[in-house]
Amino acid sequence: MNVNSGIDDTQRSERWIQISFFIAAVFFNLCLATQVFSVGMAYFYNSDWWNLHIWLVRGYSGLSLILLVWVFLIPFPRRIQSLTASMPVLLGLQFLTIHLHTPFPLAVFHPLIGFSLFSISTTLVHRTSHIVFPNHNQD
């Protein structure tokens, strides 16, 4: 009888959850990069790209909430938890800056918040990769 079998199964399960989280975080980051590309194409090339920009955010923004729940399923470091928690907050601010009409044009903050979101998402991917693939990141 092998007593460690249950422990090994739990560790493998946690590892697959971490790997899946990492893949989802990479996908989220790629969606952000594509969205930035599409807004550049809409502004500098053809305004029809704007539809892709809007479609993308509506399509992947829910992934930030899924990642938020996911990050607390198994123990991730607090830094990864806080990076993940900040993404839906920043996406909410993105929506507010575009859709709220106030005397001061909040839309001026939209690109700055977008830059912060992309930076946080990229940092999340980087930090998660160090946890998921610890031996591959040593110099």
Protein backbone atom coordinates (compact mmCIF):
# COMPACT_ATOMS: atom_id res chain seq x y z
CA MET A 1 0.00 0.00 0.00
CA ASN A 2 1.36 3.38 -1.02
CA VAL A 3 0.50 6.16 1.43
CA ASN A 4 1.98 8.90 -0.77
CA SER A 5 -0.36 8.13 -3.66
CA GLY A 6 -3.02 10.58 -2.42
CA ILE A 7 -0.44 13.30 -1.88
CA ASP A 8 1.03 12.76 -5.35
CA ASP A 9 -2.44 12.92 -6.93
CA THR A 10 -3.19 16.17 -5.09
CA GLN A 11 0.12 17.71 -6.15
CA ARG A 12 -0.48 16.66 -9.77
CA SER A 13 -3.98 18.12 -9.65
CA GLU A 14 -2.69 21.42 -8.24
CA ARG A 15 0.04 21.49 -10.88
CA TRP A 16 -2.51 21.07 -13.67
CA ILE A 17 -4.65 23.83 -12.18
CA GLN A 18 -1.58 26.10 -12.13
CA ILE A 19 -0.66 25.19 -15.71
CA SER A 20 -4.24 25.82 -16.83
CA PHE A 21 -4.25 29.16 -15.01
CA PHE A 22 -1.00 30.08 -16.74
CA ILE A 23 -2.45 29.19 -20.17
CA ALA A 24 -5.56 31.29 -19.46
CA ALA A 25 -3.39 34.22 -18.31
CA VAL A 26 -1.33 33.98 -21.52
CA PHE A 27 -4.54 33.90 -23.57
CA PHE A 28 -5.84 36.98 -21.72
CA ASN A 29 -2.56 38.76 -22.41
CA LEU A 30 -2.71 37.84 -26.11
CA CYS A 31 -6.26 39.17 -26.30
CA LEU A 32 -5.05 42.45 -24.81
CA ALA A 33 -2.21 42.65 -27.32
CA THR A 34 -4.63 41.96 -30.16
CA GLN A 35 -6.96 44.64 -28.85
CA VAL A 36 -4.15 47.21 -28.77
CA PHE A 37 -3.18 46.19 -32.31
CA SER A 38 -6.79 46.53 -33.49
CA VAL A 39 -7.16 50.04 -32.07
CA GLY A 40 -3.92 51.04 -33.80
CA MET A 41 -5.19 49.60 -37.06
CA ALA A 42 -8.52 51.44 -36.60
CA TYR A 43 -6.82 54.75 -35.90
CA PHE A 44 -4.01 54.63 -38.44
CA TYR A 45 -5.35 52.39 -41.22
CA ASN A 46 -9.06 51.61 -41.44
CA SER A 47 -11.81 52.47 -38.95
CA ASP A 48 -13.50 49.12 -39.58
CA TRP A 49 -10.95 47.61 -37.16
CA TRP A 50 -12.75 49.43 -34.35
CA ASN A 51 -15.44 46.74 -34.36
CA LEU A 52 -12.80 44.10 -33.57
CA HIS A 53 -11.51 46.31 -30.73
CA ILE A 54 -14.98 46.42 -29.15
CA TRP A 55 -15.76 42.78 -29.88
CA LEU A 56 -12.54 41.62 -28.22
CA VAL A 57 -13.13 43.40 -24.91
CA ARG A 58 -16.67 42.10 -24.74
CA GLY A 59 -15.40 38.62 -25.50
CA TYR A 60 -12.47 38.27 -23.13
CA SER A 61 -13.30 40.57 -20.21
CA GLY A 62 -15.19 37.77 -18.46
CA LEU A 63 -11.95 35.78 -18.44
CA SER A 64 -10.59 38.21 -15.83
CA LEU A 65 -13.36 37.12 -13.45
CA ILE A 66 -12.69 33.46 -14.17
CA LEU A 67 -8.98 34.02 -13.44
CA LEU A 68 -9.95 35.82 -10.22
CA VAL A 69 -11.89 32.80 -8.95
CA TRP A 70 -9.24 30.43 -10.27
CA VAL A 71 -6.33 32.14 -8.48
CA PHE A 72 -7.93 31.35 -5.12
CA LEU A 73 -8.69 27.67 -5.87
CA ILE A 74 -5.17 26.63 -4.96
CA PRO A 75 -2.56 28.59 -3.10
CA PHE A 76 -0.83 31.09 -5.35
CA PRO A 77 1.46 33.73 -3.85
CA ARG A 78 -0.23 36.93 -2.73
CA ARG A 79 1.48 38.89 -5.51
CA ILE A 80 -0.17 36.73 -8.18
CA GLN A 81 -3.50 37.00 -6.34
CA SER A 82 -3.28 40.79 -6.21
CA LEU A 83 -2.24 41.09 -9.86
CA THR A 84 -5.18 38.89 -10.84
CA ALA A 85 -7.60 40.83 -8.61
CA SER A 86 -6.57 44.13 -10.16
CA MET A 87 -7.46 43.07 -13.71
CA PRO A 88 -11.28 43.06 -13.35
CA VAL A 89 -11.02 46.35 -11.43
CA LEU A 90 -9.04 47.94 -14.26
CA LEU A 91 -11.43 46.53 -16.87
CA GLY A 92 -14.31 48.06 -14.91
CA LEU A 93 -12.51 51.40 -14.93
CA GLN A 94 -11.97 51.01 -18.68
CA PHE A 95 -15.72 50.63 -19.19
CA LEU A 96 -16.47 53.57 -16.89
CA THR A 97 -14.03 55.94 -18.58
CA ILE A 98 -15.63 55.27 -21.95
CA HIS A 99 -19.30 55.16 -20.95
CA LEU A 100 -19.59 57.81 -18.20
CA HIS A 101 -20.16 61.29 -19.50
CA THR A 102 -19.00 63.88 -16.98
CA PRO A 103 -17.92 67.53 -17.23
CA PHE A 104 -14.32 66.32 -17.11
CA PRO A 105 -13.68 63.85 -19.95
CA LEU A 106 -12.74 60.66 -18.10
CA ALA A 107 -11.94 59.06 -21.45
CA VAL A 108 -8.49 60.68 -21.27
CA PHE A 109 -7.62 58.02 -18.70
CA HIS A 110 -8.72 55.15 -20.93
CA PRO A 111 -5.33 54.62 -22.65
CA LEU A 112 -3.45 54.98 -19.35
CA ILE A 113 -5.63 52.38 -17.66
CA GLY A 114 -5.24 50.17 -20.73
CA PHE A 115 -1.47 50.45 -20.47
CA SER A 116 -1.65 49.53 -16.77
CA LEU A 117 -3.88 46.56 -17.58
CA PHE A 118 -1.46 45.31 -20.22
CA SER A 119 1.50 45.78 -17.87
CA ILE A 120 -0.22 43.92 -15.03
CA SER A 121 -1.32 41.13 -17.35
CA THR A 122 2.22 40.71 -18.70
CA THR A 123 3.64 40.72 -15.17
CA LEU A 124 1.07 38.10 -14.15
CA VAL A 125 2.15 35.85 -17.02
CA HIS A 126 5.81 36.33 -16.11
CA ARG A 127 5.36 35.65 -12.39
CA THR A 128 3.07 32.68 -12.98
CA SER A 129 5.62 31.16 -15.36
CA HIS A 130 8.18 31.22 -12.53
CA ILE A 131 5.81 29.19 -10.36
CA VAL A 132 4.61 26.77 -13.01
CA PHE A 133 8.03 26.19 -14.58
CA PRO A 134 10.52 26.88 -11.76
CA ASN A 135 13.44 24.90 -13.22
CA HIS A 136 13.24 26.54 -16.64
CA ASN A 137 13.59 30.05 -15.22
CA GLN A 138 16.83 29.63 -13.31
CA ASP A 139 19.89 31.33 -14.76
